[in-house]
Each structure stands twice: as structure tokens, then as C-alpha cells.
Amino acid sequence: MIDSSGARRGCVVWLTGLPSAGKSTIAEALEAALVRRGVRVQRLDGDEIRTNLSRGLGFSKDDRDEQVRRVGYVAGLLERHGVVAISALVSPYREARDAVRASAENFVEVYVKCSLEECIRRDVKGLYRRARGGEIANFTGISDPYEPPLHPEVVVETDRERLDDSVKKILDVLAGKGCVHG
């Protein structure tokens, strides 16, 4: 949407799902599609954020919630400046995601749905294998829960649909909210 000053309204796009569900892949493709449309966009990837903004945080519930809070804060700043902020984080706990939703003016939650079996098959880092072997504690989907969104604006099923179709679903919702041209 264009506000009274003529600036485009920002938006927070929050991709959540199990590790290896395809969040980063979708975030990159969505970012590229938005750039092609001339939209101001910033991708906030969980792995990059952990290295640069959340160094020292572990994987306890409190640390995961703090990670979501920090990324939500940055995404909200970007949104207020007319940027579409794309966050790609596991963000396993509903309450933490809902807090980000409550703080954003224009929030789009995208549930990146994928079967656990497919996530395990895709796992290039070997994290699931290590978690199943007891080397990684509090691993989402194995020894720690993932709470799927109850009412996401978009559900993409990365083990059943093409990447382009997933991105189109998100773009359609963003267009409906006035964040991008249809």
C-alpha cells in the first residue's frame, strides 16, 4: 500500500517450518521476485542472523525465543521504513511468533510445511542424524517440539509443490495486502 506520503508500506513476511523444510530456498526466490518488481526488500536468514546478531545464543526455548524477538524487532524496523522484510527462521514456538505478529503492522506468516521424513532426507548438514544420535540436544522435530501455525496467511508444501508455485502463493497474498503490485 502507498501511505499518505506516497511511500510504499512495508511488510514482515515470516517463514517458519522444520529445519530443512525449504525456508531459505523460498526466501531467496521470493526476494529475487520482489527485486524484479522493484520492491524494497531485505532477507533475514536464520543462519546469518545467528552468526551476526545472535552470536552466543543456544537452542534452549529461552534462547530461541530471544532469537525470534531480535529478528522480529529488526523486521519491524525495516517494515516501518517501507521495506518488505523476509524472515526465514525455524521459530518453533507459536507464542514467540505471535508476539512478532502483534508488533508488526503488516504481518504475513508463511508455514513452510514439509514432512519430517523429507526434511531428514534433505538435511545436507547432517543435523537430524546428529540429533537422533544424541549429539545435538533440543533439536526441533526430534528432541524439541515444533508448533505449527494455527492460522497462517500462507501454507506452502515444499514436498508437494514447485518452488515457483510456493513463491506465487506468497506474492498473491502480498499483493492482496497492498505490499506489491499484483
N, C-alpha and C. Protein backbone atom coordinates (compact mmCIF):
# COMPACT_ATOMS: atom_id res chain seq x y z
N MET A 1 0.83 -1.18 0.00
CA MET A 1 0.00 0.00 0.00
C MET A 1 0.87 1.24 0.00
N ILE A 2 0.36 2.26 -0.57
CA ILE A 2 1.05 3.55 -0.57
C ILE A 2 0.43 4.37 0.55
N ASP A 3 1.28 4.91 1.44
CA ASP A 3 0.74 5.71 2.54
C ASP A 3 0.55 7.16 2.10
N SER A 4 0.11 8.01 3.02
CA SER A 4 -0.22 9.40 2.66
C SER A 4 0.97 10.19 2.15
N SER A 5 2.19 9.75 2.46
CA SER A 5 3.38 10.46 1.97
C SER A 5 3.80 9.98 0.58
N GLY A 6 3.12 8.95 0.07
CA GLY A 6 3.48 8.40 -1.23
C GLY A 6 4.47 7.24 -1.14
N ALA A 7 4.89 6.89 0.07
CA ALA A 7 5.82 5.78 0.24
C ALA A 7 5.07 4.45 0.30
N ARG A 8 5.70 3.40 -0.19
CA ARG A 8 5.10 2.07 -0.13
C ARG A 8 5.17 1.56 1.31
N ARG A 9 4.11 0.94 1.74
CA ARG A 9 4.07 0.35 3.07
C ARG A 9 4.90 -0.92 3.12
N GLY A 10 5.62 -1.10 4.19
CA GLY A 10 6.41 -2.31 4.35
C GLY A 10 5.58 -3.47 4.84
N CYS A 11 6.24 -4.60 4.99
CA CYS A 11 5.56 -5.82 5.39
C CYS A 11 6.59 -6.76 6.01
N VAL A 12 6.16 -7.55 6.97
CA VAL A 12 7.00 -8.61 7.54
C VAL A 12 6.48 -9.94 7.02
N VAL A 13 7.31 -10.65 6.28
CA VAL A 13 6.98 -11.99 5.80
C VAL A 13 7.78 -12.96 6.66
N TRP A 14 7.08 -13.80 7.42
CA TRP A 14 7.73 -14.67 8.39
C TRP A 14 7.59 -16.12 7.95
N LEU A 15 8.69 -16.71 7.43
CA LEU A 15 8.67 -18.11 7.02
C LEU A 15 9.10 -18.98 8.19
N THR A 16 8.25 -19.92 8.56
CA THR A 16 8.52 -20.81 9.68
C THR A 16 8.28 -22.25 9.25
N GLY A 17 9.06 -23.15 9.80
CA GLY A 17 8.92 -24.57 9.49
C GLY A 17 10.10 -25.35 10.05
N LEU A 18 10.03 -26.64 9.92
CA LEU A 18 11.09 -27.52 10.41
C LEU A 18 12.43 -27.20 9.74
N PRO A 19 13.54 -27.56 10.39
CA PRO A 19 14.83 -27.45 9.72
C PRO A 19 14.81 -28.25 8.41
N SER A 20 15.36 -27.67 7.37
CA SER A 20 15.44 -28.28 6.03
C SER A 20 14.10 -28.36 5.30
N ALA A 21 13.11 -27.61 5.76
CA ALA A 21 11.80 -27.61 5.09
C ALA A 21 11.83 -26.81 3.80
N GLY A 22 12.79 -25.89 3.67
CA GLY A 22 12.88 -25.08 2.45
C GLY A 22 12.69 -23.60 2.68
N LYS A 23 12.76 -23.15 3.92
CA LYS A 23 12.55 -21.73 4.25
C LYS A 23 13.54 -20.82 3.53
N SER A 24 14.81 -21.13 3.60
CA SER A 24 15.83 -20.28 2.98
C SER A 24 15.69 -20.28 1.46
N THR A 25 15.40 -21.42 0.88
CA THR A 25 15.22 -21.51 -0.57
C THR A 25 14.06 -20.63 -1.01
N ILE A 26 12.94 -20.70 -0.30
CA ILE A 26 11.79 -19.87 -0.64
C ILE A 26 12.11 -18.40 -0.41
N ALA A 27 12.78 -18.09 0.70
CA ALA A 27 13.12 -16.70 1.00
C ALA A 27 13.98 -16.10 -0.11
N GLU A 28 14.95 -16.83 -0.60
CA GLU A 28 15.81 -16.34 -1.67
C GLU A 28 15.02 -16.12 -2.96
N ALA A 29 14.16 -17.06 -3.30
CA ALA A 29 13.36 -16.94 -4.52
C ALA A 29 12.35 -15.79 -4.40
N LEU A 30 11.76 -15.63 -3.23
CA LEU A 30 10.82 -14.54 -3.00
C LEU A 30 11.53 -13.19 -3.08
N GLU A 31 12.70 -13.12 -2.48
CA GLU A 31 13.49 -11.89 -2.54
C GLU A 31 13.78 -11.52 -3.99
N ALA A 32 14.21 -12.48 -4.78
CA ALA A 32 14.53 -12.21 -6.19
C ALA A 32 13.29 -11.74 -6.96
N ALA A 33 12.15 -12.36 -6.69
CA ALA A 33 10.90 -11.96 -7.37
C ALA A 33 10.51 -10.54 -6.99
N LEU A 34 10.69 -10.18 -5.72
CA LEU A 34 10.35 -8.83 -5.28
C LEU A 34 11.31 -7.79 -5.86
N VAL A 35 12.58 -8.12 -5.92
CA VAL A 35 13.57 -7.21 -6.52
C VAL A 35 13.21 -6.96 -7.99
N ARG A 36 12.83 -8.00 -8.71
CA ARG A 36 12.42 -7.85 -10.12
C ARG A 36 11.23 -6.91 -10.26
N ARG A 37 10.40 -6.84 -9.25
CA ARG A 37 9.21 -5.96 -9.26
C ARG A 37 9.53 -4.56 -8.74
N GLY A 38 10.77 -4.34 -8.37
CA GLY A 38 11.16 -3.02 -7.88
C GLY A 38 10.78 -2.75 -6.43
N VAL A 39 10.54 -3.80 -5.67
CA VAL A 39 10.15 -3.66 -4.26
C VAL A 39 11.40 -3.61 -3.39
N ARG A 40 11.41 -2.72 -2.42
CA ARG A 40 12.50 -2.68 -1.45
C ARG A 40 12.33 -3.89 -0.53
N VAL A 41 13.38 -4.71 -0.45
CA VAL A 41 13.27 -5.97 0.28
C VAL A 41 14.57 -6.26 1.02
N GLN A 42 14.46 -6.91 2.18
CA GLN A 42 15.63 -7.38 2.91
C GLN A 42 15.32 -8.76 3.47
N ARG A 43 16.18 -9.71 3.15
CA ARG A 43 16.03 -11.08 3.65
C ARG A 43 16.83 -11.23 4.93
N LEU A 44 16.19 -11.79 5.96
CA LEU A 44 16.83 -12.06 7.25
C LEU A 44 16.85 -13.57 7.44
N ASP A 45 17.98 -14.18 7.15
CA ASP A 45 18.10 -15.64 7.20
C ASP A 45 18.60 -16.08 8.57
N GLY A 46 17.98 -17.11 9.10
CA GLY A 46 18.30 -17.60 10.43
C GLY A 46 19.78 -17.91 10.66
N ASP A 47 20.41 -18.59 9.71
CA ASP A 47 21.83 -18.94 9.88
C ASP A 47 22.70 -17.68 9.91
N GLU A 48 22.42 -16.72 9.03
CA GLU A 48 23.21 -15.48 9.01
C GLU A 48 22.98 -14.66 10.28
N ILE A 49 21.74 -14.61 10.73
CA ILE A 49 21.41 -13.86 11.94
C ILE A 49 22.11 -14.46 13.14
N ARG A 50 22.13 -15.79 13.22
CA ARG A 50 22.80 -16.45 14.36
C ARG A 50 24.28 -16.11 14.40
N THR A 51 24.89 -15.96 13.24
CA THR A 51 26.31 -15.63 13.18
C THR A 51 26.58 -14.18 13.55
N ASN A 52 25.70 -13.28 13.13
CA ASN A 52 25.98 -11.85 13.26
C ASN A 52 25.21 -11.11 14.35
N LEU A 53 23.98 -11.47 14.60
CA LEU A 53 23.15 -10.74 15.55
C LEU A 53 22.90 -11.52 16.83
N SER A 54 22.90 -12.80 16.73
CA SER A 54 22.52 -13.63 17.88
C SER A 54 23.64 -14.58 18.31
N ARG A 55 24.87 -14.17 18.05
CA ARG A 55 26.00 -15.00 18.47
C ARG A 55 25.92 -15.24 19.97
N GLY A 56 26.16 -16.44 20.39
CA GLY A 56 26.13 -16.76 21.81
C GLY A 56 24.81 -17.36 22.26
N LEU A 57 23.77 -17.22 21.45
CA LEU A 57 22.50 -17.84 21.82
C LEU A 57 22.55 -19.31 21.45
N GLY A 58 22.00 -20.12 22.33
CA GLY A 58 21.95 -21.55 22.07
C GLY A 58 20.59 -21.95 21.51
N PHE A 59 20.16 -23.15 21.86
CA PHE A 59 18.92 -23.67 21.31
C PHE A 59 17.91 -24.01 22.39
N SER A 60 18.09 -23.44 23.58
CA SER A 60 17.07 -23.61 24.61
C SER A 60 15.83 -22.83 24.18
N LYS A 61 14.71 -23.08 24.81
CA LYS A 61 13.48 -22.35 24.48
C LYS A 61 13.69 -20.85 24.67
N ASP A 62 14.30 -20.45 25.77
CA ASP A 62 14.53 -19.02 26.02
C ASP A 62 15.42 -18.41 24.94
N ASP A 63 16.48 -19.11 24.54
CA ASP A 63 17.37 -18.58 23.51
C ASP A 63 16.68 -18.51 22.15
N ARG A 64 15.89 -19.51 21.84
CA ARG A 64 15.16 -19.49 20.56
C ARG A 64 14.16 -18.33 20.54
N ASP A 65 13.46 -18.14 21.67
CA ASP A 65 12.51 -17.03 21.75
C ASP A 65 13.22 -15.69 21.63
N GLU A 66 14.41 -15.58 22.21
CA GLU A 66 15.19 -14.34 22.10
C GLU A 66 15.62 -14.10 20.66
N GLN A 67 16.00 -15.15 19.98
CA GLN A 67 16.37 -15.05 18.55
C GLN A 67 15.18 -14.50 17.76
N VAL A 68 14.00 -15.05 17.98
CA VAL A 68 12.80 -14.60 17.27
C VAL A 68 12.50 -13.14 17.63
N ARG A 69 12.64 -12.78 18.89
CA ARG A 69 12.38 -11.41 19.32
C ARG A 69 13.32 -10.44 18.60
N ARG A 70 14.61 -10.77 18.55
CA ARG A 70 15.59 -9.90 17.90
C ARG A 70 15.30 -9.74 16.41
N VAL A 71 15.05 -10.84 15.75
CA VAL A 71 14.77 -10.78 14.31
C VAL A 71 13.45 -10.04 14.09
N GLY A 72 12.46 -10.27 14.95
CA GLY A 72 11.19 -9.57 14.83
C GLY A 72 11.36 -8.07 14.98
N TYR A 73 12.23 -7.67 15.89
CA TYR A 73 12.49 -6.24 16.09
C TYR A 73 13.11 -5.62 14.83
N VAL A 74 14.12 -6.28 14.29
CA VAL A 74 14.77 -5.78 13.07
C VAL A 74 13.78 -5.75 11.91
N ALA A 75 12.99 -6.82 11.77
CA ALA A 75 11.99 -6.87 10.69
C ALA A 75 10.99 -5.73 10.84
N GLY A 76 10.59 -5.45 12.07
CA GLY A 76 9.65 -4.36 12.30
C GLY A 76 10.23 -3.00 11.93
N LEU A 77 11.50 -2.79 12.23
CA LEU A 77 12.16 -1.54 11.82
C LEU A 77 12.15 -1.40 10.31
N LEU A 78 12.49 -2.47 9.62
CA LEU A 78 12.50 -2.44 8.17
C LEU A 78 11.10 -2.17 7.63
N GLU A 79 10.11 -2.84 8.19
CA GLU A 79 8.72 -2.65 7.76
C GLU A 79 8.30 -1.18 7.88
N ARG A 80 8.64 -0.55 8.99
CA ARG A 80 8.26 0.85 9.21
C ARG A 80 8.93 1.80 8.21
N HIS A 81 10.00 1.33 7.57
CA HIS A 81 10.69 2.14 6.57
C HIS A 81 10.34 1.72 5.15
N GLY A 82 9.22 1.02 5.00
CA GLY A 82 8.73 0.69 3.67
C GLY A 82 9.39 -0.49 3.00
N VAL A 83 10.05 -1.32 3.78
CA VAL A 83 10.76 -2.48 3.23
C VAL A 83 9.94 -3.74 3.50
N VAL A 84 9.94 -4.67 2.55
CA VAL A 84 9.41 -6.00 2.81
C VAL A 84 10.53 -6.80 3.44
N ALA A 85 10.37 -7.13 4.72
CA ALA A 85 11.37 -7.89 5.46
C ALA A 85 10.96 -9.36 5.42
N ILE A 86 11.84 -10.20 4.89
CA ILE A 86 11.58 -11.63 4.80
C ILE A 86 12.43 -12.33 5.85
N SER A 87 11.77 -12.97 6.79
CA SER A 87 12.47 -13.71 7.83
C SER A 87 12.32 -15.20 7.57
N ALA A 88 13.44 -15.91 7.58
CA ALA A 88 13.44 -17.36 7.37
C ALA A 88 14.08 -18.01 8.59
N LEU A 89 13.24 -18.35 9.57
CA LEU A 89 13.71 -18.97 10.81
C LEU A 89 12.83 -20.15 11.16
N VAL A 90 13.40 -21.16 11.80
CA VAL A 90 12.58 -22.26 12.29
C VAL A 90 11.48 -21.70 13.19
N SER A 91 11.86 -20.82 14.12
CA SER A 91 10.93 -20.20 15.07
C SER A 91 9.85 -21.19 15.51
N PRO A 92 10.25 -22.19 16.32
CA PRO A 92 9.37 -23.31 16.58
C PRO A 92 8.19 -23.04 17.52
N TYR A 93 8.24 -21.94 18.26
CA TYR A 93 7.21 -21.74 19.27
C TYR A 93 6.20 -20.68 18.84
N ARG A 94 4.95 -21.07 18.86
CA ARG A 94 3.83 -20.23 18.42
C ARG A 94 3.78 -18.90 19.17
N GLU A 95 3.98 -18.93 20.47
CA GLU A 95 3.87 -17.72 21.28
C GLU A 95 4.88 -16.65 20.84
N ALA A 96 6.10 -17.06 20.53
CA ALA A 96 7.12 -16.10 20.09
C ALA A 96 6.75 -15.52 18.72
N ARG A 97 6.25 -16.36 17.82
CA ARG A 97 5.83 -15.85 16.50
C ARG A 97 4.65 -14.90 16.64
N ASP A 98 3.73 -15.24 17.54
CA ASP A 98 2.56 -14.38 17.74
C ASP A 98 2.95 -13.03 18.31
N ALA A 99 4.01 -12.99 19.11
CA ALA A 99 4.50 -11.70 19.64
C ALA A 99 5.02 -10.82 18.51
N VAL A 100 5.72 -11.43 17.55
CA VAL A 100 6.19 -10.67 16.40
C VAL A 100 4.99 -10.19 15.58
N ARG A 101 4.03 -11.05 15.38
CA ARG A 101 2.81 -10.66 14.65
C ARG A 101 2.16 -9.44 15.31
N ALA A 102 2.07 -9.47 16.62
CA ALA A 102 1.41 -8.37 17.35
C ALA A 102 2.18 -7.06 17.22
N SER A 103 3.48 -7.13 17.03
CA SER A 103 4.30 -5.91 16.95
C SER A 103 4.40 -5.36 15.53
N ALA A 104 3.99 -6.13 14.54
CA ALA A 104 4.08 -5.70 13.14
C ALA A 104 2.74 -5.12 12.69
N GLU A 105 2.83 -4.16 11.80
CA GLU A 105 1.60 -3.60 11.23
C GLU A 105 1.03 -4.50 10.13
N ASN A 106 1.92 -5.08 9.35
CA ASN A 106 1.51 -5.84 8.18
C ASN A 106 2.31 -7.15 8.18
N PHE A 107 1.75 -8.19 8.79
CA PHE A 107 2.45 -9.44 9.04
C PHE A 107 1.86 -10.55 8.18
N VAL A 108 2.73 -11.31 7.52
CA VAL A 108 2.31 -12.46 6.73
C VAL A 108 3.10 -13.66 7.22
N GLU A 109 2.41 -14.57 7.89
CA GLU A 109 3.06 -15.79 8.35
C GLU A 109 2.93 -16.85 7.26
N VAL A 110 4.07 -17.42 6.90
CA VAL A 110 4.12 -18.46 5.87
C VAL A 110 4.59 -19.75 6.54
N TYR A 111 3.70 -20.73 6.57
CA TYR A 111 4.05 -22.03 7.12
C TYR A 111 4.67 -22.85 5.99
N VAL A 112 5.97 -23.09 6.12
CA VAL A 112 6.70 -23.89 5.14
C VAL A 112 6.58 -25.34 5.61
N LYS A 113 5.56 -25.98 5.11
CA LYS A 113 5.18 -27.32 5.56
C LYS A 113 5.93 -28.38 4.74
N CYS A 114 6.50 -29.32 5.44
CA CYS A 114 7.23 -30.41 4.79
C CYS A 114 7.27 -31.57 5.77
N SER A 115 7.13 -32.77 5.27
CA SER A 115 7.16 -33.93 6.16
C SER A 115 8.54 -34.06 6.83
N LEU A 116 8.53 -34.57 8.03
CA LEU A 116 9.79 -34.80 8.75
C LEU A 116 10.70 -35.72 7.94
N GLU A 117 10.13 -36.73 7.32
CA GLU A 117 10.92 -37.68 6.54
C GLU A 117 11.66 -36.96 5.40
N GLU A 118 10.96 -36.04 4.72
CA GLU A 118 11.59 -35.31 3.62
C GLU A 118 12.64 -34.34 4.14
N CYS A 119 12.38 -33.70 5.28
CA CYS A 119 13.38 -32.80 5.88
C CYS A 119 14.65 -33.57 6.22
N ILE A 120 14.49 -34.75 6.77
CA ILE A 120 15.64 -35.59 7.10
C ILE A 120 16.40 -35.97 5.83
N ARG A 121 15.67 -36.31 4.78
CA ARG A 121 16.31 -36.68 3.51
C ARG A 121 17.10 -35.51 2.92
N ARG A 122 16.57 -34.29 3.07
CA ARG A 122 17.21 -33.09 2.50
C ARG A 122 18.38 -32.57 3.33
N ASP A 123 18.53 -33.01 4.53
CA ASP A 123 19.45 -32.42 5.50
C ASP A 123 20.91 -32.55 5.08
N VAL A 124 21.42 -31.52 4.41
CA VAL A 124 22.80 -31.56 3.91
C VAL A 124 23.83 -31.39 5.03
N LYS A 125 23.44 -30.79 6.14
CA LYS A 125 24.37 -30.55 7.24
C LYS A 125 24.48 -31.75 8.19
N GLY A 126 23.61 -32.73 8.03
CA GLY A 126 23.65 -33.91 8.91
C GLY A 126 23.14 -33.64 10.32
N LEU A 127 22.37 -32.58 10.49
CA LEU A 127 21.90 -32.21 11.84
C LEU A 127 20.89 -33.20 12.40
N TYR A 128 19.99 -33.67 11.57
CA TYR A 128 19.00 -34.65 12.04
C TYR A 128 19.69 -35.93 12.51
N ARG A 129 20.67 -36.39 11.72
CA ARG A 129 21.41 -37.61 12.09
C ARG A 129 22.09 -37.41 13.44
N ARG A 130 22.73 -36.23 13.61
CA ARG A 130 23.41 -35.94 14.87
C ARG A 130 22.42 -35.82 16.03
N ALA A 131 21.26 -35.23 15.77
CA ALA A 131 20.24 -35.09 16.81
C ALA A 131 19.70 -36.46 17.22
N ARG A 132 19.44 -37.30 16.24
CA ARG A 132 18.95 -38.65 16.54
C ARG A 132 20.00 -39.46 17.29
N GLY A 133 21.26 -39.17 17.04
CA GLY A 133 22.35 -39.86 17.73
C GLY A 133 22.67 -39.27 19.10
N GLY A 134 21.94 -38.25 19.51
CA GLY A 134 22.13 -37.65 20.83
C GLY A 134 23.23 -36.60 20.89
N GLU A 135 23.81 -36.26 19.75
CA GLU A 135 24.89 -35.25 19.73
C GLU A 135 24.36 -33.82 19.84
N ILE A 136 23.12 -33.59 19.42
CA ILE A 136 22.51 -32.26 19.47
C ILE A 136 21.26 -32.34 20.33
N ALA A 137 21.25 -31.59 21.41
CA ALA A 137 20.07 -31.54 22.28
C ALA A 137 19.11 -30.47 21.78
N ASN A 138 17.86 -30.57 22.15
CA ASN A 138 16.84 -29.56 21.82
C ASN A 138 16.74 -29.30 20.32
N PHE A 139 16.79 -30.35 19.53
CA PHE A 139 16.71 -30.17 18.08
C PHE A 139 15.26 -30.27 17.64
N THR A 140 14.78 -29.21 16.99
CA THR A 140 13.39 -29.12 16.58
C THR A 140 13.01 -30.28 15.66
N GLY A 141 11.93 -30.93 16.02
CA GLY A 141 11.41 -32.05 15.24
C GLY A 141 11.89 -33.39 15.73
N ILE A 142 12.95 -33.40 16.53
CA ILE A 142 13.48 -34.66 17.07
C ILE A 142 13.34 -34.68 18.59
N SER A 143 14.06 -33.81 19.28
CA SER A 143 14.02 -33.79 20.74
C SER A 143 13.39 -32.51 21.30
N ASP A 144 12.87 -31.68 20.42
CA ASP A 144 12.21 -30.45 20.81
C ASP A 144 11.02 -30.25 19.87
N PRO A 145 9.93 -29.71 20.37
CA PRO A 145 8.73 -29.63 19.53
C PRO A 145 8.79 -28.52 18.49
N TYR A 146 7.98 -28.69 17.46
CA TYR A 146 7.68 -27.61 16.52
C TYR A 146 6.17 -27.40 16.60
N GLU A 147 5.76 -26.16 16.86
CA GLU A 147 4.35 -25.83 16.97
C GLU A 147 3.91 -25.15 15.67
N PRO A 148 3.24 -25.89 14.79
CA PRO A 148 2.82 -25.29 13.51
C PRO A 148 1.87 -24.11 13.75
N PRO A 149 1.89 -23.15 12.85
CA PRO A 149 0.95 -22.03 12.97
C PRO A 149 -0.49 -22.54 12.90
N LEU A 150 -1.37 -21.89 13.65
CA LEU A 150 -2.78 -22.26 13.63
C LEU A 150 -3.52 -21.61 12.47
N HIS A 151 -3.17 -20.37 12.14
CA HIS A 151 -3.87 -19.63 11.09
C HIS A 151 -2.89 -18.81 10.25
N PRO A 152 -1.95 -19.48 9.58
CA PRO A 152 -1.01 -18.72 8.75
C PRO A 152 -1.72 -18.11 7.55
N GLU A 153 -1.19 -17.01 7.06
CA GLU A 153 -1.75 -16.40 5.86
C GLU A 153 -1.47 -17.25 4.63
N VAL A 154 -0.36 -17.99 4.66
CA VAL A 154 0.02 -18.82 3.52
C VAL A 154 0.58 -20.15 4.04
N VAL A 155 0.21 -21.23 3.36
CA VAL A 155 0.82 -22.55 3.61
C VAL A 155 1.44 -22.99 2.30
N VAL A 156 2.73 -23.27 2.32
CA VAL A 156 3.39 -23.84 1.15
C VAL A 156 3.86 -25.24 1.54
N GLU A 157 3.67 -26.18 0.66
CA GLU A 157 4.06 -27.57 0.94
C GLU A 157 5.21 -27.93 0.02
N THR A 158 6.42 -27.77 0.56
CA THR A 158 7.61 -27.88 -0.28
C THR A 158 7.91 -29.30 -0.73
N ASP A 159 7.27 -30.28 -0.12
CA ASP A 159 7.47 -31.65 -0.59
C ASP A 159 6.39 -32.06 -1.59
N ARG A 160 5.50 -31.10 -1.94
CA ARG A 160 4.40 -31.41 -2.86
C ARG A 160 4.24 -30.40 -4.00
N GLU A 161 4.85 -29.22 -3.87
CA GLU A 161 4.64 -28.20 -4.90
C GLU A 161 5.97 -27.63 -5.37
N ARG A 162 5.95 -27.07 -6.55
CA ARG A 162 7.15 -26.47 -7.13
C ARG A 162 7.47 -25.16 -6.41
N LEU A 163 8.73 -24.79 -6.42
CA LEU A 163 9.19 -23.55 -5.80
C LEU A 163 8.44 -22.35 -6.36
N ASP A 164 8.31 -22.28 -7.69
CA ASP A 164 7.61 -21.15 -8.31
C ASP A 164 6.17 -21.04 -7.82
N ASP A 165 5.51 -22.16 -7.61
CA ASP A 165 4.13 -22.14 -7.13
C ASP A 165 4.06 -21.63 -5.69
N SER A 166 5.02 -22.03 -4.88
CA SER A 166 5.07 -21.55 -3.49
C SER A 166 5.28 -20.04 -3.45
N VAL A 167 6.22 -19.56 -4.24
CA VAL A 167 6.50 -18.12 -4.28
C VAL A 167 5.29 -17.36 -4.79
N LYS A 168 4.60 -17.89 -5.78
CA LYS A 168 3.41 -17.21 -6.32
C LYS A 168 2.33 -17.09 -5.24
N LYS A 169 2.14 -18.12 -4.44
CA LYS A 169 1.16 -18.05 -3.35
C LYS A 169 1.47 -16.87 -2.42
N ILE A 170 2.73 -16.72 -2.08
CA ILE A 170 3.13 -15.64 -1.17
C ILE A 170 2.95 -14.29 -1.85
N LEU A 171 3.37 -14.18 -3.10
CA LEU A 171 3.22 -12.93 -3.84
C LEU A 171 1.75 -12.53 -3.95
N ASP A 172 0.88 -13.50 -4.15
CA ASP A 172 -0.56 -13.21 -4.25
C ASP A 172 -1.08 -12.61 -2.94
N VAL A 173 -0.65 -13.15 -1.82
CA VAL A 173 -1.08 -12.61 -0.52
C VAL A 173 -0.50 -11.21 -0.31
N LEU A 174 0.77 -11.02 -0.67
CA LEU A 174 1.39 -9.69 -0.54
C LEU A 174 0.66 -8.68 -1.42
N ALA A 175 0.26 -9.08 -2.60
CA ALA A 175 -0.49 -8.19 -3.49
C ALA A 175 -1.84 -7.84 -2.87
N GLY A 176 -2.49 -8.83 -2.27
CA GLY A 176 -3.77 -8.60 -1.63
C GLY A 176 -3.67 -7.64 -0.45
N LYS A 177 -2.52 -7.61 0.19
CA LYS A 177 -2.29 -6.69 1.31
C LYS A 177 -1.75 -5.34 0.86
N GLY A 178 -1.50 -5.21 -0.44
CA GLY A 178 -1.00 -3.96 -0.98
C GLY A 178 0.48 -3.74 -0.81
N CYS A 179 1.23 -4.80 -0.51
CA CYS A 179 2.69 -4.68 -0.36
C CYS A 179 3.41 -4.71 -1.70
N VAL A 180 2.80 -5.34 -2.68
CA VAL A 180 3.37 -5.42 -4.02
C VAL A 180 2.24 -5.26 -5.02
N HIS A 181 2.59 -4.93 -6.25
CA HIS A 181 1.58 -4.87 -7.31
C HIS A 181 1.28 -6.30 -7.74
N GLY A 182 0.04 -6.57 -8.02
CA GLY A 182 -0.42 -7.90 -8.40
C GLY A 182 0.15 -8.43 -9.67
